[in-house]
Structures are given as structure tokens and as C-alpha cells.
Amino acid sequence: MKTYVASELFDLHINGSFPLNCQFVPKTPSPSALDIPGIYMLFFDQEIVYIGLADNQPVLERIQMQLSTITLRGETIFFNPGSQIAVKNSVTLNTVFNPQILGKNASGPETSVNRVKYADLRWNVFSRLDKYILKRFVIVWFPENECQEETLLEIKNRWVRDLMPICNG
């Protein structure tokens, strides 16, 4: 198991029009411990937010996508119909995300209703996303060689079921 503060793995670049104006750019070189398949847990302010599996896609790409969609700040995120309704029902978010924003990026990483609800509760922080707020995200990495009897998918599914992170489906 390895633990990383998100700012150790990513630089935050902010360009373009708010709110979809953040890029989480992986730093190079990345830690060699991240080169093999594994499971990651994403925490924000010590609260478990998401558990993911990185076996067919590099872990930094997976985490980059999670940070983009969980904060609702990634420049290429896509709002599916359910997440669009959740934004429109939010007193806070519906004033920030107009219909043009909600309808763009159809090929980008997709956010979800749970992620919209999570970001809504933390919008006072995520709307000010900067390198100091990025440091509040922590990634705990479990490489495959440390996972024994079960497959990575079985372990991830059990952890999601038992720990119930808010941003997992």
C-alpha cells in the first residue's frame, strides 16, 4: 500500500471559462509503484469518496478522470441526463452550470448523479479549486501484488459494498 497526496501526482492547470476550466495534469516521472494494476481509494478531507480499479487503464488516467468528474471542474466532463437533472435541481449548481455547459463534451468522462450531489455539498470549496485544495485529496494505492486470494475486481467490489463511498455507482 502506498499513499499519495493528489498534488504529488498532479499539477492543476486552470484555463478557459469557469466552471469547466481545470486540467489535472500528471507529473512526470510518475512513481514506479503505479506502473502495475491495482485498486485505489480516493479521499477528500479524510472521507472516502471513491474506490476504483486500474487494470486496463493507467492509474493516473483513472484518478485524473475521477478528480475531474467528482469536483465538476474538469474541462471535458460530460453530464448524462440524470446528472443534468441533478444540477438543475440544485439551488447552487443550477446558477453556475447553464444548459450550454451541461450539453457539451459528449465524448468526455461522464459524471453521475452521486458526484453532482457530492460536489453540490462542497461547491464552496470546489468552486475555488486550486493547488491547496488539490492537496486535500489523498490517494491510497494497493498494487496487485499485495492483493492475494481474490481478483482485483472482487476486492474492489467488496470494498465498495462494505465502505459505500459516496461517488461510486
N, C-alpha and C. Protein backbone atom coordinates (compact mmCIF):
# COMPACT_ATOMS: atom_id res chain seq x y z
N MET A 1 0.85 -1.18 0.00
CA MET A 1 0.00 0.00 0.00
C MET A 1 0.89 1.24 0.00
N LYS A 2 0.52 2.20 -0.82
CA LYS A 2 1.22 3.49 -0.89
C LYS A 2 0.17 4.58 -0.79
N THR A 3 0.54 5.69 -0.17
CA THR A 3 -0.36 6.83 -0.04
C THR A 3 0.27 8.05 -0.71
N TYR A 4 -0.55 8.77 -1.47
CA TYR A 4 -0.09 9.96 -2.19
C TYR A 4 -1.08 11.10 -1.98
N VAL A 5 -0.58 12.28 -1.77
CA VAL A 5 -1.41 13.47 -1.82
C VAL A 5 -1.57 13.79 -3.31
N ALA A 6 -2.76 14.16 -3.73
CA ALA A 6 -3.02 14.38 -5.16
C ALA A 6 -2.05 15.37 -5.78
N SER A 7 -1.63 16.37 -5.03
CA SER A 7 -0.70 17.36 -5.57
C SER A 7 0.71 16.79 -5.80
N GLU A 8 0.99 15.61 -5.26
CA GLU A 8 2.26 14.93 -5.56
C GLU A 8 2.21 14.27 -6.93
N LEU A 9 1.02 13.94 -7.38
CA LEU A 9 0.85 13.23 -8.64
C LEU A 9 0.38 14.10 -9.79
N PHE A 10 -0.28 15.23 -9.46
CA PHE A 10 -0.88 16.09 -10.49
C PHE A 10 -0.55 17.55 -10.26
N ASP A 11 -0.39 18.26 -11.37
CA ASP A 11 -0.39 19.72 -11.36
C ASP A 11 -1.79 20.15 -11.79
N LEU A 12 -2.26 21.22 -11.22
CA LEU A 12 -3.56 21.75 -11.58
C LEU A 12 -3.36 22.94 -12.51
N HIS A 13 -3.90 22.83 -13.73
CA HIS A 13 -3.86 23.93 -14.69
C HIS A 13 -5.28 24.45 -14.84
N ILE A 14 -5.42 25.76 -14.70
CA ILE A 14 -6.73 26.38 -14.84
C ILE A 14 -6.69 27.33 -16.03
N ASN A 15 -7.50 27.01 -17.05
CA ASN A 15 -7.63 27.88 -18.22
C ASN A 15 -9.02 27.71 -18.80
N GLY A 16 -9.46 28.73 -19.46
CA GLY A 16 -10.78 28.67 -20.07
C GLY A 16 -11.84 29.26 -19.17
N SER A 17 -13.08 28.96 -19.50
CA SER A 17 -14.22 29.56 -18.81
C SER A 17 -14.66 28.70 -17.63
N PHE A 18 -14.84 29.35 -16.50
CA PHE A 18 -15.36 28.71 -15.30
C PHE A 18 -16.78 28.22 -15.59
N PRO A 19 -17.19 27.08 -15.13
CA PRO A 19 -16.58 26.19 -14.14
C PRO A 19 -15.76 25.04 -14.73
N LEU A 20 -15.94 24.72 -16.01
CA LEU A 20 -15.22 23.59 -16.61
C LEU A 20 -13.89 24.07 -17.17
N ASN A 21 -12.99 24.40 -16.27
CA ASN A 21 -11.73 25.00 -16.71
C ASN A 21 -10.50 24.42 -16.02
N CYS A 22 -10.59 23.20 -15.51
CA CYS A 22 -9.46 22.61 -14.80
C CYS A 22 -8.93 21.39 -15.54
N GLN A 23 -7.61 21.30 -15.57
CA GLN A 23 -6.92 20.11 -16.06
C GLN A 23 -6.08 19.57 -14.92
N PHE A 24 -6.19 18.28 -14.68
CA PHE A 24 -5.36 17.60 -13.69
C PHE A 24 -4.26 16.91 -14.48
N VAL A 25 -3.08 17.52 -14.54
CA VAL A 25 -2.00 17.07 -15.40
C VAL A 25 -1.04 16.20 -14.60
N PRO A 26 -0.90 14.92 -15.01
CA PRO A 26 0.03 14.04 -14.29
C PRO A 26 1.46 14.56 -14.33
N LYS A 27 2.11 14.52 -13.19
CA LYS A 27 3.51 14.92 -13.11
C LYS A 27 4.37 13.79 -13.66
N THR A 28 5.52 14.17 -14.20
CA THR A 28 6.45 13.17 -14.68
C THR A 28 7.79 13.36 -13.98
N PRO A 29 8.46 12.30 -13.71
CA PRO A 29 8.01 10.93 -13.87
C PRO A 29 7.02 10.57 -12.76
N SER A 30 6.15 9.61 -13.05
CA SER A 30 5.21 9.15 -12.02
C SER A 30 5.91 8.07 -11.19
N PRO A 31 5.45 7.87 -9.97
CA PRO A 31 6.06 6.83 -9.13
C PRO A 31 5.96 5.46 -9.79
N SER A 32 7.04 4.71 -9.77
CA SER A 32 7.05 3.39 -10.41
C SER A 32 6.06 2.43 -9.76
N ALA A 33 5.68 2.67 -8.52
CA ALA A 33 4.70 1.81 -7.84
C ALA A 33 3.36 1.83 -8.55
N LEU A 34 3.11 2.87 -9.37
CA LEU A 34 1.82 3.00 -10.06
C LEU A 34 1.82 2.34 -11.44
N ASP A 35 2.91 1.66 -11.78
CA ASP A 35 3.03 1.07 -13.11
C ASP A 35 2.34 -0.27 -13.27
N ILE A 36 1.85 -0.85 -12.18
CA ILE A 36 1.19 -2.15 -12.27
C ILE A 36 -0.28 -2.00 -11.90
N PRO A 37 -1.12 -2.96 -12.30
CA PRO A 37 -2.53 -2.88 -11.94
C PRO A 37 -2.74 -2.86 -10.43
N GLY A 38 -3.87 -2.29 -10.02
CA GLY A 38 -4.20 -2.25 -8.60
C GLY A 38 -5.54 -1.58 -8.34
N ILE A 39 -5.77 -1.35 -7.06
CA ILE A 39 -7.00 -0.70 -6.60
C ILE A 39 -6.59 0.60 -5.91
N TYR A 40 -7.39 1.64 -6.13
CA TYR A 40 -7.10 2.90 -5.44
C TYR A 40 -8.34 3.38 -4.69
N MET A 41 -8.07 4.04 -3.60
CA MET A 41 -9.12 4.72 -2.83
C MET A 41 -8.82 6.21 -2.91
N LEU A 42 -9.85 6.99 -3.15
CA LEU A 42 -9.72 8.43 -3.22
C LEU A 42 -10.45 9.04 -2.02
N PHE A 43 -9.73 9.84 -1.26
CA PHE A 43 -10.27 10.51 -0.08
C PHE A 43 -10.25 12.02 -0.30
N PHE A 44 -11.24 12.70 0.26
CA PHE A 44 -11.21 14.16 0.33
C PHE A 44 -11.47 14.53 1.79
N ASP A 45 -10.57 15.29 2.36
CA ASP A 45 -10.66 15.67 3.78
C ASP A 45 -10.93 14.44 4.66
N GLN A 46 -10.18 13.39 4.40
CA GLN A 46 -10.22 12.15 5.17
C GLN A 46 -11.52 11.36 5.04
N GLU A 47 -12.38 11.74 4.11
CA GLU A 47 -13.61 10.99 3.83
C GLU A 47 -13.39 10.18 2.56
N ILE A 48 -13.70 8.90 2.62
CA ILE A 48 -13.56 8.08 1.42
C ILE A 48 -14.63 8.49 0.42
N VAL A 49 -14.17 8.79 -0.78
CA VAL A 49 -15.05 9.31 -1.82
C VAL A 49 -15.28 8.28 -2.92
N TYR A 50 -14.23 7.54 -3.27
CA TYR A 50 -14.34 6.65 -4.42
C TYR A 50 -13.32 5.52 -4.28
N ILE A 51 -13.70 4.34 -4.75
CA ILE A 51 -12.79 3.20 -4.86
C ILE A 51 -12.79 2.77 -6.31
N GLY A 52 -11.61 2.67 -6.88
CA GLY A 52 -11.52 2.32 -8.29
C GLY A 52 -10.51 1.24 -8.57
N LEU A 53 -10.64 0.67 -9.74
CA LEU A 53 -9.78 -0.40 -10.23
C LEU A 53 -9.01 0.13 -11.43
N ALA A 54 -7.71 -0.06 -11.42
CA ALA A 54 -6.87 0.31 -12.56
C ALA A 54 -6.18 -0.95 -13.04
N ASP A 55 -6.81 -1.61 -14.01
CA ASP A 55 -6.19 -2.81 -14.56
C ASP A 55 -6.06 -2.73 -16.07
N ASN A 56 -6.95 -2.03 -16.73
CA ASN A 56 -6.88 -1.89 -18.19
C ASN A 56 -6.50 -0.49 -18.63
N GLN A 57 -6.36 0.40 -17.68
CA GLN A 57 -6.04 1.80 -17.96
C GLN A 57 -5.05 2.26 -16.88
N PRO A 58 -4.06 3.07 -17.23
CA PRO A 58 -3.11 3.53 -16.21
C PRO A 58 -3.82 4.24 -15.05
N VAL A 59 -3.32 4.01 -13.85
CA VAL A 59 -3.98 4.54 -12.65
C VAL A 59 -4.07 6.06 -12.69
N LEU A 60 -3.05 6.76 -13.18
CA LEU A 60 -3.12 8.22 -13.19
C LEU A 60 -4.23 8.72 -14.12
N GLU A 61 -4.47 8.02 -15.22
CA GLU A 61 -5.59 8.40 -16.10
C GLU A 61 -6.92 8.20 -15.38
N ARG A 62 -7.03 7.10 -14.64
CA ARG A 62 -8.26 6.82 -13.89
C ARG A 62 -8.49 7.90 -12.82
N ILE A 63 -7.47 8.20 -12.06
CA ILE A 63 -7.61 9.19 -10.99
C ILE A 63 -7.88 10.58 -11.57
N GLN A 64 -7.23 10.90 -12.65
CA GLN A 64 -7.45 12.17 -13.35
C GLN A 64 -8.93 12.32 -13.71
N MET A 65 -9.51 11.25 -14.23
CA MET A 65 -10.92 11.26 -14.59
C MET A 65 -11.79 11.43 -13.34
N GLN A 66 -11.44 10.75 -12.25
CA GLN A 66 -12.24 10.86 -11.02
C GLN A 66 -12.18 12.28 -10.47
N LEU A 67 -11.00 12.87 -10.42
CA LEU A 67 -10.88 14.24 -9.91
C LEU A 67 -11.70 15.20 -10.77
N SER A 68 -11.66 15.03 -12.07
CA SER A 68 -12.41 15.90 -12.99
C SER A 68 -13.91 15.81 -12.76
N THR A 69 -14.41 14.59 -12.60
CA THR A 69 -15.86 14.40 -12.52
C THR A 69 -16.41 14.56 -11.11
N ILE A 70 -15.61 14.30 -10.11
CA ILE A 70 -16.07 14.45 -8.72
C ILE A 70 -16.13 15.92 -8.31
N THR A 71 -15.19 16.70 -8.78
CA THR A 71 -15.19 18.14 -8.45
C THR A 71 -16.10 18.95 -9.38
N LEU A 72 -16.53 18.33 -10.48
CA LEU A 72 -17.30 19.02 -11.55
C LEU A 72 -16.51 20.17 -12.15
N ARG A 73 -15.20 20.06 -12.17
CA ARG A 73 -14.37 21.14 -12.68
C ARG A 73 -13.54 20.75 -13.90
N GLY A 74 -13.50 19.46 -14.24
CA GLY A 74 -12.71 19.04 -15.40
C GLY A 74 -13.24 19.64 -16.68
N GLU A 75 -12.35 20.11 -17.53
CA GLU A 75 -12.77 20.86 -18.71
C GLU A 75 -13.48 20.02 -19.75
N THR A 76 -13.39 18.70 -19.68
CA THR A 76 -14.02 17.87 -20.71
C THR A 76 -15.10 16.95 -20.15
N ILE A 77 -15.61 17.19 -18.95
CA ILE A 77 -16.58 16.25 -18.40
C ILE A 77 -17.93 16.36 -19.10
N PHE A 78 -18.64 15.25 -19.08
CA PHE A 78 -19.94 15.13 -19.72
C PHE A 78 -21.01 14.89 -18.65
N PHE A 79 -22.11 15.60 -18.76
CA PHE A 79 -23.24 15.44 -17.85
C PHE A 79 -24.29 14.57 -18.54
N ASN A 80 -24.47 13.34 -18.03
CA ASN A 80 -25.50 12.47 -18.59
C ASN A 80 -26.87 13.03 -18.19
N PRO A 81 -27.97 12.50 -18.74
CA PRO A 81 -29.29 13.07 -18.43
C PRO A 81 -29.60 13.13 -16.93
N GLY A 82 -29.27 12.09 -16.18
CA GLY A 82 -29.54 12.10 -14.74
C GLY A 82 -28.75 13.17 -14.00
N SER A 83 -27.47 13.34 -14.37
CA SER A 83 -26.66 14.35 -13.71
C SER A 83 -27.10 15.76 -14.11
N GLN A 84 -27.62 15.92 -15.34
CA GLN A 84 -28.15 17.22 -15.75
C GLN A 84 -29.35 17.60 -14.89
N ILE A 85 -30.23 16.64 -14.63
CA ILE A 85 -31.39 16.91 -13.78
C ILE A 85 -30.95 17.26 -12.36
N ALA A 86 -29.94 16.53 -11.86
CA ALA A 86 -29.43 16.81 -10.51
C ALA A 86 -28.86 18.22 -10.42
N VAL A 87 -28.17 18.67 -11.46
CA VAL A 87 -27.63 20.04 -11.48
C VAL A 87 -28.78 21.04 -11.50
N LYS A 88 -29.77 20.80 -12.35
CA LYS A 88 -30.91 21.73 -12.46
C LYS A 88 -31.71 21.80 -11.16
N ASN A 89 -31.73 20.71 -10.39
CA ASN A 89 -32.45 20.69 -9.11
C ASN A 89 -31.65 21.30 -7.96
N SER A 90 -30.39 21.60 -8.18
CA SER A 90 -29.54 22.17 -7.14
C SER A 90 -29.67 23.69 -7.14
N VAL A 91 -29.96 24.24 -5.99
CA VAL A 91 -30.06 25.69 -5.87
C VAL A 91 -28.73 26.35 -6.21
N THR A 92 -27.64 25.73 -5.80
CA THR A 92 -26.30 26.30 -6.02
C THR A 92 -25.81 26.07 -7.44
N LEU A 93 -25.83 24.81 -7.88
CA LEU A 93 -25.20 24.46 -9.15
C LEU A 93 -25.97 24.95 -10.37
N ASN A 94 -27.29 25.06 -10.28
CA ASN A 94 -28.04 25.46 -11.48
C ASN A 94 -27.78 26.91 -11.87
N THR A 95 -27.23 27.70 -10.97
CA THR A 95 -26.87 29.08 -11.32
C THR A 95 -25.50 29.15 -11.98
N VAL A 96 -24.70 28.08 -11.84
CA VAL A 96 -23.33 28.06 -12.36
C VAL A 96 -23.24 27.31 -13.69
N PHE A 97 -23.98 26.20 -13.79
CA PHE A 97 -23.91 25.34 -14.97
C PHE A 97 -25.14 25.60 -15.84
N ASN A 98 -24.97 26.43 -16.86
CA ASN A 98 -26.09 26.73 -17.76
C ASN A 98 -26.30 25.57 -18.74
N PRO A 99 -27.42 25.56 -19.46
CA PRO A 99 -27.72 24.44 -20.37
C PRO A 99 -26.64 24.19 -21.42
N GLN A 100 -25.96 25.24 -21.89
CA GLN A 100 -24.90 25.05 -22.88
C GLN A 100 -23.74 24.24 -22.30
N ILE A 101 -23.40 24.52 -21.04
CA ILE A 101 -22.32 23.77 -20.39
C ILE A 101 -22.73 22.32 -20.19
N LEU A 102 -23.97 22.11 -19.75
CA LEU A 102 -24.43 20.75 -19.46
C LEU A 102 -24.51 19.88 -20.71
N GLY A 103 -24.69 20.50 -21.86
CA GLY A 103 -24.86 19.73 -23.08
C GLY A 103 -23.59 19.50 -23.88
N LYS A 104 -22.46 19.99 -23.42
CA LYS A 104 -21.24 19.82 -24.22
C LYS A 104 -20.42 18.62 -23.74
N ASN A 105 -19.35 18.33 -24.44
CA ASN A 105 -18.39 17.29 -24.08
C ASN A 105 -18.97 15.88 -24.10
N ALA A 106 -19.79 15.56 -25.07
CA ALA A 106 -20.44 14.25 -25.11
C ALA A 106 -19.46 13.08 -25.12
N SER A 107 -18.22 13.31 -25.51
CA SER A 107 -17.24 12.21 -25.54
C SER A 107 -16.30 12.25 -24.33
N GLY A 108 -16.52 13.17 -23.43
CA GLY A 108 -15.64 13.28 -22.26
C GLY A 108 -16.02 12.32 -21.16
N PRO A 109 -15.23 12.30 -20.08
CA PRO A 109 -15.57 11.43 -18.95
C PRO A 109 -16.91 11.85 -18.34
N GLU A 110 -17.73 10.87 -18.03
CA GLU A 110 -19.11 11.11 -17.61
C GLU A 110 -19.21 11.24 -16.10
N THR A 111 -19.87 12.30 -15.66
CA THR A 111 -20.14 12.43 -14.23
C THR A 111 -21.47 11.73 -13.92
N SER A 112 -21.85 11.72 -12.66
CA SER A 112 -23.04 10.97 -12.26
C SER A 112 -23.86 11.79 -11.26
N VAL A 113 -25.05 11.30 -10.98
CA VAL A 113 -25.92 11.96 -10.00
C VAL A 113 -25.22 12.02 -8.64
N ASN A 114 -24.60 10.91 -8.21
CA ASN A 114 -23.92 10.91 -6.91
C ASN A 114 -22.78 11.93 -6.86
N ARG A 115 -22.06 12.07 -7.95
CA ARG A 115 -20.95 13.02 -8.00
C ARG A 115 -21.49 14.46 -7.97
N VAL A 116 -22.58 14.70 -8.66
CA VAL A 116 -23.19 16.03 -8.63
C VAL A 116 -23.63 16.37 -7.21
N LYS A 117 -24.27 15.43 -6.55
CA LYS A 117 -24.71 15.67 -5.16
C LYS A 117 -23.52 15.92 -4.25
N TYR A 118 -22.45 15.16 -4.44
CA TYR A 118 -21.25 15.33 -3.63
C TYR A 118 -20.65 16.72 -3.86
N ALA A 119 -20.50 17.09 -5.14
CA ALA A 119 -19.92 18.40 -5.46
C ALA A 119 -20.82 19.54 -4.99
N ASP A 120 -22.12 19.34 -5.06
CA ASP A 120 -23.06 20.36 -4.60
C ASP A 120 -22.82 20.69 -3.12
N LEU A 121 -22.62 19.65 -2.33
CA LEU A 121 -22.38 19.86 -0.89
C LEU A 121 -21.04 20.53 -0.60
N ARG A 122 -20.11 20.46 -1.54
CA ARG A 122 -18.77 21.01 -1.35
C ARG A 122 -18.44 22.11 -2.35
N TRP A 123 -19.47 22.65 -2.99
CA TRP A 123 -19.22 23.62 -4.06
C TRP A 123 -18.49 24.86 -3.55
N ASN A 124 -18.72 25.24 -2.31
CA ASN A 124 -18.00 26.41 -1.78
C ASN A 124 -16.49 26.17 -1.79
N VAL A 125 -16.05 24.92 -1.77
CA VAL A 125 -14.63 24.57 -1.86
C VAL A 125 -14.24 24.31 -3.31
N PHE A 126 -14.97 23.42 -3.99
CA PHE A 126 -14.60 23.04 -5.35
C PHE A 126 -14.67 24.21 -6.33
N SER A 127 -15.52 25.18 -6.07
CA SER A 127 -15.59 26.34 -6.97
C SER A 127 -14.31 27.18 -6.89
N ARG A 128 -13.56 27.02 -5.83
CA ARG A 128 -12.29 27.74 -5.64
C ARG A 128 -11.09 26.84 -5.83
N LEU A 129 -11.27 25.74 -6.54
CA LEU A 129 -10.23 24.72 -6.68
C LEU A 129 -8.89 25.35 -7.05
N ASP A 130 -7.88 25.03 -6.26
CA ASP A 130 -6.52 25.47 -6.52
C ASP A 130 -5.57 24.40 -5.99
N LYS A 131 -4.27 24.65 -6.04
CA LYS A 131 -3.30 23.62 -5.64
C LYS A 131 -3.41 23.28 -4.16
N TYR A 132 -3.89 24.20 -3.35
CA TYR A 132 -4.05 23.92 -1.92
C TYR A 132 -5.25 23.02 -1.65
N ILE A 133 -6.30 23.21 -2.40
CA ILE A 133 -7.47 22.33 -2.27
C ILE A 133 -7.14 20.96 -2.86
N LEU A 134 -6.36 20.92 -3.93
CA LEU A 134 -5.94 19.65 -4.52
C LEU A 134 -5.19 18.81 -3.49
N LYS A 135 -4.45 19.44 -2.60
CA LYS A 135 -3.70 18.72 -1.55
C LYS A 135 -4.63 18.02 -0.56
N ARG A 136 -5.89 18.38 -0.54
CA ARG A 136 -6.84 17.76 0.38
C ARG A 136 -7.35 16.41 -0.13
N PHE A 137 -7.05 16.10 -1.40
CA PHE A 137 -7.35 14.78 -1.95
C PHE A 137 -6.16 13.86 -1.69
N VAL A 138 -6.46 12.67 -1.19
CA VAL A 138 -5.42 11.67 -0.92
C VAL A 138 -5.79 10.38 -1.64
N ILE A 139 -4.78 9.77 -2.25
CA ILE A 139 -4.95 8.52 -2.97
C ILE A 139 -4.21 7.44 -2.21
N VAL A 140 -4.90 6.35 -1.91
CA VAL A 140 -4.27 5.18 -1.31
C VAL A 140 -4.25 4.10 -2.39
N TRP A 141 -3.05 3.62 -2.70
CA TRP A 141 -2.83 2.71 -3.81
C TRP A 141 -2.47 1.32 -3.30
N PHE A 142 -3.19 0.32 -3.77
CA PHE A 142 -2.95 -1.07 -3.43
C PHE A 142 -2.54 -1.81 -4.70
N PRO A 143 -1.24 -1.99 -4.93
CA PRO A 143 -0.82 -2.71 -6.14
C PRO A 143 -1.25 -4.17 -6.12
N GLU A 144 -1.42 -4.71 -7.30
CA GLU A 144 -1.92 -6.08 -7.45
C GLU A 144 -1.11 -7.10 -6.66
N ASN A 145 0.18 -6.95 -6.61
CA ASN A 145 0.99 -7.96 -5.93
C ASN A 145 0.76 -8.01 -4.42
N GLU A 146 0.07 -7.01 -3.87
CA GLU A 146 -0.25 -7.03 -2.45
C GLU A 146 -1.65 -7.58 -2.20
N CYS A 147 -2.38 -7.85 -3.24
CA CYS A 147 -3.73 -8.39 -3.13
C CYS A 147 -3.62 -9.88 -3.38
N GLN A 148 -4.04 -10.68 -2.43
CA GLN A 148 -3.76 -12.11 -2.50
C GLN A 148 -4.86 -12.94 -3.13
N GLU A 149 -5.64 -13.59 -2.36
CA GLU A 149 -6.55 -14.65 -2.78
C GLU A 149 -7.56 -14.22 -3.86
N GLU A 150 -8.15 -13.05 -3.74
CA GLU A 150 -9.20 -12.62 -4.65
C GLU A 150 -8.62 -11.86 -5.84
N THR A 151 -9.43 -11.75 -6.89
CA THR A 151 -9.02 -10.91 -8.01
C THR A 151 -9.19 -9.44 -7.60
N LEU A 152 -8.55 -8.56 -8.34
CA LEU A 152 -8.69 -7.13 -8.06
C LEU A 152 -10.14 -6.70 -8.12
N LEU A 153 -10.88 -7.19 -9.11
CA LEU A 153 -12.28 -6.81 -9.24
C LEU A 153 -13.10 -7.28 -8.04
N GLU A 154 -12.85 -8.49 -7.57
CA GLU A 154 -13.58 -8.99 -6.39
C GLU A 154 -13.28 -8.15 -5.15
N ILE A 155 -12.03 -7.79 -4.98
CA ILE A 155 -11.64 -6.97 -3.82
C ILE A 155 -12.28 -5.60 -3.92
N LYS A 156 -12.18 -4.98 -5.10
CA LYS A 156 -12.77 -3.65 -5.28
C LYS A 156 -14.27 -3.68 -5.01
N ASN A 157 -14.95 -4.65 -5.57
CA ASN A 157 -16.40 -4.74 -5.37
C ASN A 157 -16.76 -4.95 -3.90
N ARG A 158 -16.00 -5.74 -3.18
CA ARG A 158 -16.26 -5.96 -1.75
C ARG A 158 -16.04 -4.67 -0.97
N TRP A 159 -14.95 -3.97 -1.29
CA TRP A 159 -14.67 -2.71 -0.59
C TRP A 159 -15.76 -1.68 -0.87
N VAL A 160 -16.21 -1.58 -2.11
CA VAL A 160 -17.29 -0.64 -2.45
C VAL A 160 -18.55 -1.00 -1.67
N ARG A 161 -18.88 -2.28 -1.65
CA ARG A 161 -20.08 -2.74 -0.93
C ARG A 161 -19.95 -2.45 0.58
N ASP A 162 -18.79 -2.72 1.16
CA ASP A 162 -18.62 -2.58 2.61
C ASP A 162 -18.40 -1.14 3.05
N LEU A 163 -17.66 -0.37 2.26
CA LEU A 163 -17.30 1.01 2.66
C LEU A 163 -18.25 2.06 2.11
N MET A 164 -19.00 1.74 1.07
CA MET A 164 -20.01 2.59 0.44
C MET A 164 -19.53 4.04 0.18
N PRO A 165 -18.46 4.21 -0.58
CA PRO A 165 -18.04 5.58 -0.91
C PRO A 165 -19.12 6.29 -1.71
N ILE A 166 -19.31 7.55 -1.42
CA ILE A 166 -20.44 8.32 -1.96
C ILE A 166 -20.42 8.44 -3.49
N CYS A 167 -19.26 8.44 -4.11
CA CYS A 167 -19.20 8.68 -5.54
C CYS A 167 -19.12 7.40 -6.38
N ASN A 168 -19.14 6.24 -5.76
CA ASN A 168 -19.27 5.01 -6.52
C ASN A 168 -20.74 4.81 -6.86
N GLY A 169 -21.00 4.16 -8.00
CA GLY A 169 -22.35 3.94 -8.50
C GLY A 169 -23.31 3.43 -7.52
